[in-house]
Amino acid sequence: MLYLIFLALVSCNNAPLDRERFENTWWEFERFPLCFNVHESGDLLTYEDKIRSEGEWCFVEPNSYVVKDDMFDVKEIGENCWDIFLHSKGISDTACECTLRD
């Protein structure tokens, strides 16, 4: 029974990402004032007081991005909000539409 629960949880977390809705849009983390954009230029852009590049990104099926030596997973949690799990820090945060750039 525990094995079936584990399989169900793993399969839920591996839902394919709707990349058209996620990429090329500015998203803001809930816990701190930082916006980011997985941009079509191939760079992960961040914005606090100015825009800067964090490096080139690469998509890994079904829902992960690799930037430099780090990886983050993306899971949709509602309309225009995402759960972002950063592997290097072992933390998860919610990201919704960016308001810093308005």
N, C-alpha and C. Protein backbone atom coordinates (compact mmCIF):
# COMPACT_ATOMS: atom_id res chain seq x y z
N MET A 1 0.82 -1.20 0.00
CA MET A 1 0.00 0.00 0.00
C MET A 1 0.86 1.26 0.00
N LEU A 2 1.88 1.29 0.84
CA LEU A 2 2.79 2.43 0.89
C LEU A 2 3.47 2.64 -0.45
N TYR A 3 3.80 1.56 -1.13
CA TYR A 3 4.42 1.63 -2.44
C TYR A 3 3.50 2.32 -3.45
N LEU A 4 2.20 2.02 -3.41
CA LEU A 4 1.24 2.64 -4.31
C LEU A 4 1.09 4.13 -4.04
N ILE A 5 1.10 4.52 -2.77
CA ILE A 5 1.03 5.94 -2.41
C ILE A 5 2.27 6.67 -2.94
N PHE A 6 3.44 6.05 -2.77
CA PHE A 6 4.68 6.64 -3.28
C PHE A 6 4.61 6.83 -4.79
N LEU A 7 4.15 5.83 -5.52
CA LEU A 7 4.04 5.94 -6.98
C LEU A 7 3.07 7.05 -7.38
N ALA A 8 1.98 7.17 -6.66
CA ALA A 8 1.00 8.22 -6.96
C ALA A 8 1.61 9.60 -6.75
N LEU A 9 2.35 9.78 -5.68
CA LEU A 9 2.99 11.07 -5.41
C LEU A 9 4.04 11.39 -6.46
N VAL A 10 4.84 10.44 -6.82
CA VAL A 10 5.89 10.66 -7.82
C VAL A 10 5.27 11.01 -9.16
N SER A 11 4.23 10.30 -9.56
CA SER A 11 3.61 10.57 -10.86
C SER A 11 2.93 11.93 -10.87
N CYS A 12 2.39 12.38 -9.74
CA CYS A 12 1.77 13.71 -9.68
C CYS A 12 2.82 14.80 -9.85
N ASN A 13 3.99 14.60 -9.29
CA ASN A 13 5.04 15.60 -9.38
C ASN A 13 5.68 15.65 -10.76
N ASN A 14 5.44 14.66 -11.59
CA ASN A 14 6.07 14.61 -12.90
C ASN A 14 5.14 15.02 -14.02
N ALA A 15 4.10 15.78 -13.70
CA ALA A 15 3.19 16.25 -14.74
C ALA A 15 3.97 17.16 -15.68
N PRO A 16 3.76 17.00 -16.98
CA PRO A 16 4.48 17.85 -17.94
C PRO A 16 4.17 19.33 -17.72
N LEU A 17 5.18 20.14 -17.82
CA LEU A 17 5.04 21.58 -17.63
C LEU A 17 4.49 22.23 -18.89
N ASP A 18 3.56 23.15 -18.71
CA ASP A 18 3.05 23.96 -19.82
C ASP A 18 4.06 25.09 -20.03
N ARG A 19 5.06 24.83 -20.83
CA ARG A 19 6.17 25.77 -21.00
C ARG A 19 5.73 27.08 -21.64
N GLU A 20 4.72 27.03 -22.51
CA GLU A 20 4.24 28.26 -23.14
C GLU A 20 3.69 29.24 -22.11
N ARG A 21 3.10 28.74 -21.05
CA ARG A 21 2.55 29.61 -20.01
C ARG A 21 3.62 30.08 -19.04
N PHE A 22 4.69 29.29 -18.88
CA PHE A 22 5.71 29.62 -17.88
C PHE A 22 6.85 30.47 -18.43
N GLU A 23 7.35 30.13 -19.59
CA GLU A 23 8.52 30.82 -20.14
C GLU A 23 8.13 32.19 -20.71
N ASN A 24 9.11 33.09 -20.74
CA ASN A 24 8.97 34.44 -21.29
C ASN A 24 7.98 35.32 -20.54
N THR A 25 7.81 35.05 -19.26
CA THR A 25 6.94 35.84 -18.38
C THR A 25 7.70 36.10 -17.10
N TRP A 26 7.49 37.27 -16.51
CA TRP A 26 8.13 37.61 -15.24
C TRP A 26 7.30 37.05 -14.09
N TRP A 27 7.98 36.28 -13.20
CA TRP A 27 7.36 35.69 -12.02
C TRP A 27 8.09 36.20 -10.78
N GLU A 28 7.35 36.39 -9.69
CA GLU A 28 7.91 36.91 -8.44
C GLU A 28 7.76 35.90 -7.32
N PHE A 29 8.85 35.67 -6.60
CA PHE A 29 8.80 34.77 -5.46
C PHE A 29 7.97 35.37 -4.34
N GLU A 30 7.29 34.52 -3.61
CA GLU A 30 6.44 34.96 -2.51
C GLU A 30 7.24 35.42 -1.30
N ARG A 31 8.34 34.74 -1.00
CA ARG A 31 9.10 35.01 0.23
C ARG A 31 10.06 36.18 0.15
N PHE A 32 10.49 36.57 -1.04
CA PHE A 32 11.42 37.69 -1.14
C PHE A 32 11.21 38.42 -2.46
N PRO A 33 11.57 39.70 -2.50
CA PRO A 33 11.30 40.52 -3.69
C PRO A 33 12.30 40.29 -4.81
N LEU A 34 12.09 39.23 -5.55
CA LEU A 34 12.93 38.91 -6.69
C LEU A 34 12.04 38.35 -7.79
N CYS A 35 12.15 38.91 -8.97
CA CYS A 35 11.42 38.41 -10.12
C CYS A 35 12.39 37.67 -11.03
N PHE A 36 11.87 36.70 -11.79
CA PHE A 36 12.70 35.95 -12.72
C PHE A 36 11.92 35.64 -13.98
N ASN A 37 12.68 35.37 -15.05
CA ASN A 37 12.08 35.11 -16.35
C ASN A 37 12.95 34.08 -17.07
N VAL A 38 12.37 32.92 -17.37
CA VAL A 38 13.06 31.93 -18.19
C VAL A 38 12.85 32.41 -19.63
N HIS A 39 13.79 33.21 -20.09
CA HIS A 39 13.61 34.01 -21.30
C HIS A 39 13.97 33.25 -22.57
N GLU A 40 13.28 33.60 -23.66
CA GLU A 40 13.50 32.96 -24.96
C GLU A 40 14.90 33.20 -25.51
N SER A 41 15.63 34.15 -24.94
CA SER A 41 17.02 34.39 -25.36
C SER A 41 17.93 33.24 -24.96
N GLY A 42 17.43 32.40 -24.03
CA GLY A 42 18.22 31.29 -23.54
C GLY A 42 18.84 31.57 -22.19
N ASP A 43 18.60 32.76 -21.64
CA ASP A 43 19.12 33.13 -20.33
C ASP A 43 18.01 33.17 -19.29
N LEU A 44 18.37 32.82 -18.05
CA LEU A 44 17.48 33.03 -16.91
C LEU A 44 17.74 34.45 -16.43
N LEU A 45 16.74 35.31 -16.53
CA LEU A 45 16.88 36.70 -16.12
C LEU A 45 16.28 36.88 -14.74
N THR A 46 16.91 37.73 -13.93
CA THR A 46 16.35 38.09 -12.63
C THR A 46 16.23 39.60 -12.55
N TYR A 47 15.32 40.06 -11.69
CA TYR A 47 15.11 41.49 -11.50
C TYR A 47 14.88 41.79 -10.03
N GLU A 48 15.72 42.65 -9.49
CA GLU A 48 15.51 43.24 -8.16
C GLU A 48 15.40 44.75 -8.38
N ASP A 49 16.52 45.38 -8.63
CA ASP A 49 16.51 46.80 -8.98
C ASP A 49 16.95 47.01 -10.42
N LYS A 50 17.50 45.96 -11.02
CA LYS A 50 17.86 45.97 -12.44
C LYS A 50 17.82 44.54 -12.96
N ILE A 51 17.78 44.40 -14.27
CA ILE A 51 17.74 43.08 -14.89
C ILE A 51 19.16 42.55 -15.04
N ARG A 52 19.36 41.28 -14.68
CA ARG A 52 20.65 40.64 -14.91
C ARG A 52 20.44 39.19 -15.31
N SER A 53 21.44 38.64 -15.99
CA SER A 53 21.39 37.26 -16.45
C SER A 53 22.07 36.37 -15.42
N GLU A 54 21.41 35.25 -15.10
CA GLU A 54 21.99 34.26 -14.18
C GLU A 54 22.69 33.15 -14.95
N GLY A 55 22.60 33.19 -16.28
CA GLY A 55 23.24 32.18 -17.11
C GLY A 55 22.23 31.51 -18.03
N GLU A 56 22.75 30.68 -18.90
CA GLU A 56 21.91 29.96 -19.85
C GLU A 56 21.11 28.87 -19.15
N TRP A 57 19.90 28.65 -19.65
CA TRP A 57 19.07 27.59 -19.09
C TRP A 57 18.89 26.49 -20.12
N CYS A 58 18.56 25.30 -19.61
CA CYS A 58 18.27 24.13 -20.42
C CYS A 58 17.07 23.44 -19.79
N PHE A 59 16.08 23.07 -20.59
CA PHE A 59 14.89 22.39 -20.07
C PHE A 59 15.13 20.89 -20.04
N VAL A 60 14.68 20.25 -18.94
CA VAL A 60 14.78 18.80 -18.77
C VAL A 60 13.38 18.27 -18.51
N GLU A 61 12.92 17.37 -19.37
CA GLU A 61 11.57 16.79 -19.22
C GLU A 61 11.45 16.11 -17.85
N PRO A 62 10.31 16.16 -17.18
CA PRO A 62 9.08 16.77 -17.66
C PRO A 62 8.87 18.20 -17.16
N ASN A 63 9.64 18.67 -16.14
CA ASN A 63 9.32 19.98 -15.56
C ASN A 63 10.50 20.67 -14.87
N SER A 64 11.71 20.49 -15.36
CA SER A 64 12.88 21.04 -14.69
C SER A 64 13.71 21.92 -15.62
N TYR A 65 14.43 22.83 -14.99
CA TYR A 65 15.37 23.69 -15.71
C TYR A 65 16.73 23.58 -15.03
N VAL A 66 17.78 23.60 -15.85
CA VAL A 66 19.14 23.59 -15.34
C VAL A 66 19.78 24.91 -15.75
N VAL A 67 20.38 25.58 -14.75
CA VAL A 67 21.11 26.82 -14.98
C VAL A 67 22.45 26.67 -14.28
N LYS A 68 23.52 26.76 -15.06
CA LYS A 68 24.87 26.51 -14.55
C LYS A 68 24.88 25.13 -13.92
N ASP A 69 25.23 25.02 -12.64
CA ASP A 69 25.28 23.71 -11.96
C ASP A 69 24.10 23.50 -11.03
N ASP A 70 23.00 24.19 -11.27
CA ASP A 70 21.84 24.09 -10.40
C ASP A 70 20.61 23.66 -11.19
N MET A 71 19.61 23.16 -10.50
CA MET A 71 18.38 22.71 -11.13
C MET A 71 17.20 23.18 -10.30
N PHE A 72 16.12 23.57 -10.98
CA PHE A 72 14.87 23.86 -10.27
C PHE A 72 13.71 23.23 -11.01
N ASP A 73 12.74 22.74 -10.22
CA ASP A 73 11.55 22.11 -10.75
C ASP A 73 10.40 23.11 -10.69
N VAL A 74 9.48 23.00 -11.63
CA VAL A 74 8.34 23.91 -11.72
C VAL A 74 7.06 23.08 -11.77
N LYS A 75 6.11 23.43 -10.92
CA LYS A 75 4.82 22.75 -10.90
C LYS A 75 3.72 23.79 -10.77
N GLU A 76 2.75 23.74 -11.67
CA GLU A 76 1.64 24.70 -11.61
C GLU A 76 0.78 24.40 -10.38
N ILE A 77 0.45 25.46 -9.62
CA ILE A 77 -0.37 25.27 -8.42
C ILE A 77 -1.65 26.09 -8.45
N GLY A 78 -1.86 26.80 -9.50
CA GLY A 78 -3.07 27.60 -9.65
C GLY A 78 -2.91 28.48 -10.87
N GLU A 79 -3.94 29.25 -11.14
CA GLU A 79 -3.86 30.13 -12.30
C GLU A 79 -2.77 31.17 -12.08
N ASN A 80 -1.75 31.12 -12.94
CA ASN A 80 -0.63 32.06 -12.91
C ASN A 80 0.21 31.99 -11.64
N CYS A 81 0.27 30.84 -10.98
CA CYS A 81 1.17 30.64 -9.85
C CYS A 81 1.83 29.27 -9.99
N TRP A 82 3.06 29.20 -9.50
CA TRP A 82 3.88 28.01 -9.67
C TRP A 82 4.61 27.69 -8.38
N ASP A 83 4.82 26.41 -8.14
CA ASP A 83 5.69 25.97 -7.05
C ASP A 83 7.07 25.75 -7.66
N ILE A 84 8.08 26.44 -7.12
CA ILE A 84 9.44 26.33 -7.62
C ILE A 84 10.28 25.64 -6.54
N PHE A 85 10.89 24.51 -6.89
CA PHE A 85 11.76 23.79 -5.95
C PHE A 85 13.20 23.93 -6.43
N LEU A 86 14.03 24.58 -5.63
CA LEU A 86 15.44 24.78 -5.94
C LEU A 86 16.26 23.67 -5.30
N HIS A 87 16.84 22.81 -6.13
CA HIS A 87 17.55 21.63 -5.64
C HIS A 87 18.74 21.98 -4.75
N SER A 88 19.55 22.97 -5.13
CA SER A 88 20.77 23.27 -4.37
C SER A 88 20.49 23.72 -2.96
N LYS A 89 19.36 24.39 -2.75
CA LYS A 89 18.99 24.89 -1.42
C LYS A 89 17.99 23.97 -0.71
N GLY A 90 17.39 23.07 -1.47
CA GLY A 90 16.39 22.18 -0.89
C GLY A 90 15.16 22.94 -0.41
N ILE A 91 14.84 24.04 -1.10
CA ILE A 91 13.69 24.85 -0.69
C ILE A 91 12.67 24.96 -1.81
N SER A 92 11.44 25.19 -1.40
CA SER A 92 10.34 25.37 -2.32
C SER A 92 9.69 26.72 -2.02
N ASP A 93 9.28 27.43 -3.05
CA ASP A 93 8.60 28.71 -2.86
C ASP A 93 7.57 28.88 -3.98
N THR A 94 6.59 29.69 -3.70
CA THR A 94 5.56 30.00 -4.69
C THR A 94 5.99 31.22 -5.49
N ALA A 95 5.76 31.18 -6.79
CA ALA A 95 6.03 32.31 -7.67
C ALA A 95 4.75 32.62 -8.44
N CYS A 96 4.35 33.91 -8.41
CA CYS A 96 3.18 34.37 -9.15
C CYS A 96 3.60 35.57 -9.98
N GLU A 97 2.66 36.17 -10.68
CA GLU A 97 2.95 37.28 -11.56
C GLU A 97 3.77 38.36 -10.85
N CYS A 98 4.80 38.85 -11.52
CA CYS A 98 5.71 39.84 -10.94
C CYS A 98 5.04 41.21 -10.85
N THR A 99 5.14 41.84 -9.69
CA THR A 99 4.61 43.19 -9.49
C THR A 99 5.74 44.21 -9.34
N LEU A 100 6.98 43.77 -9.23
CA LEU A 100 8.11 44.69 -9.05
C LEU A 100 8.38 45.54 -10.27
N ARG A 101 8.03 45.05 -11.45
CA ARG A 101 8.38 45.73 -12.69
C ARG A 101 7.28 46.68 -13.15
N ASP A 102 6.19 46.80 -12.42
CA ASP A 102 5.07 47.69 -12.80
C ASP A 102 5.43 49.14 -12.64
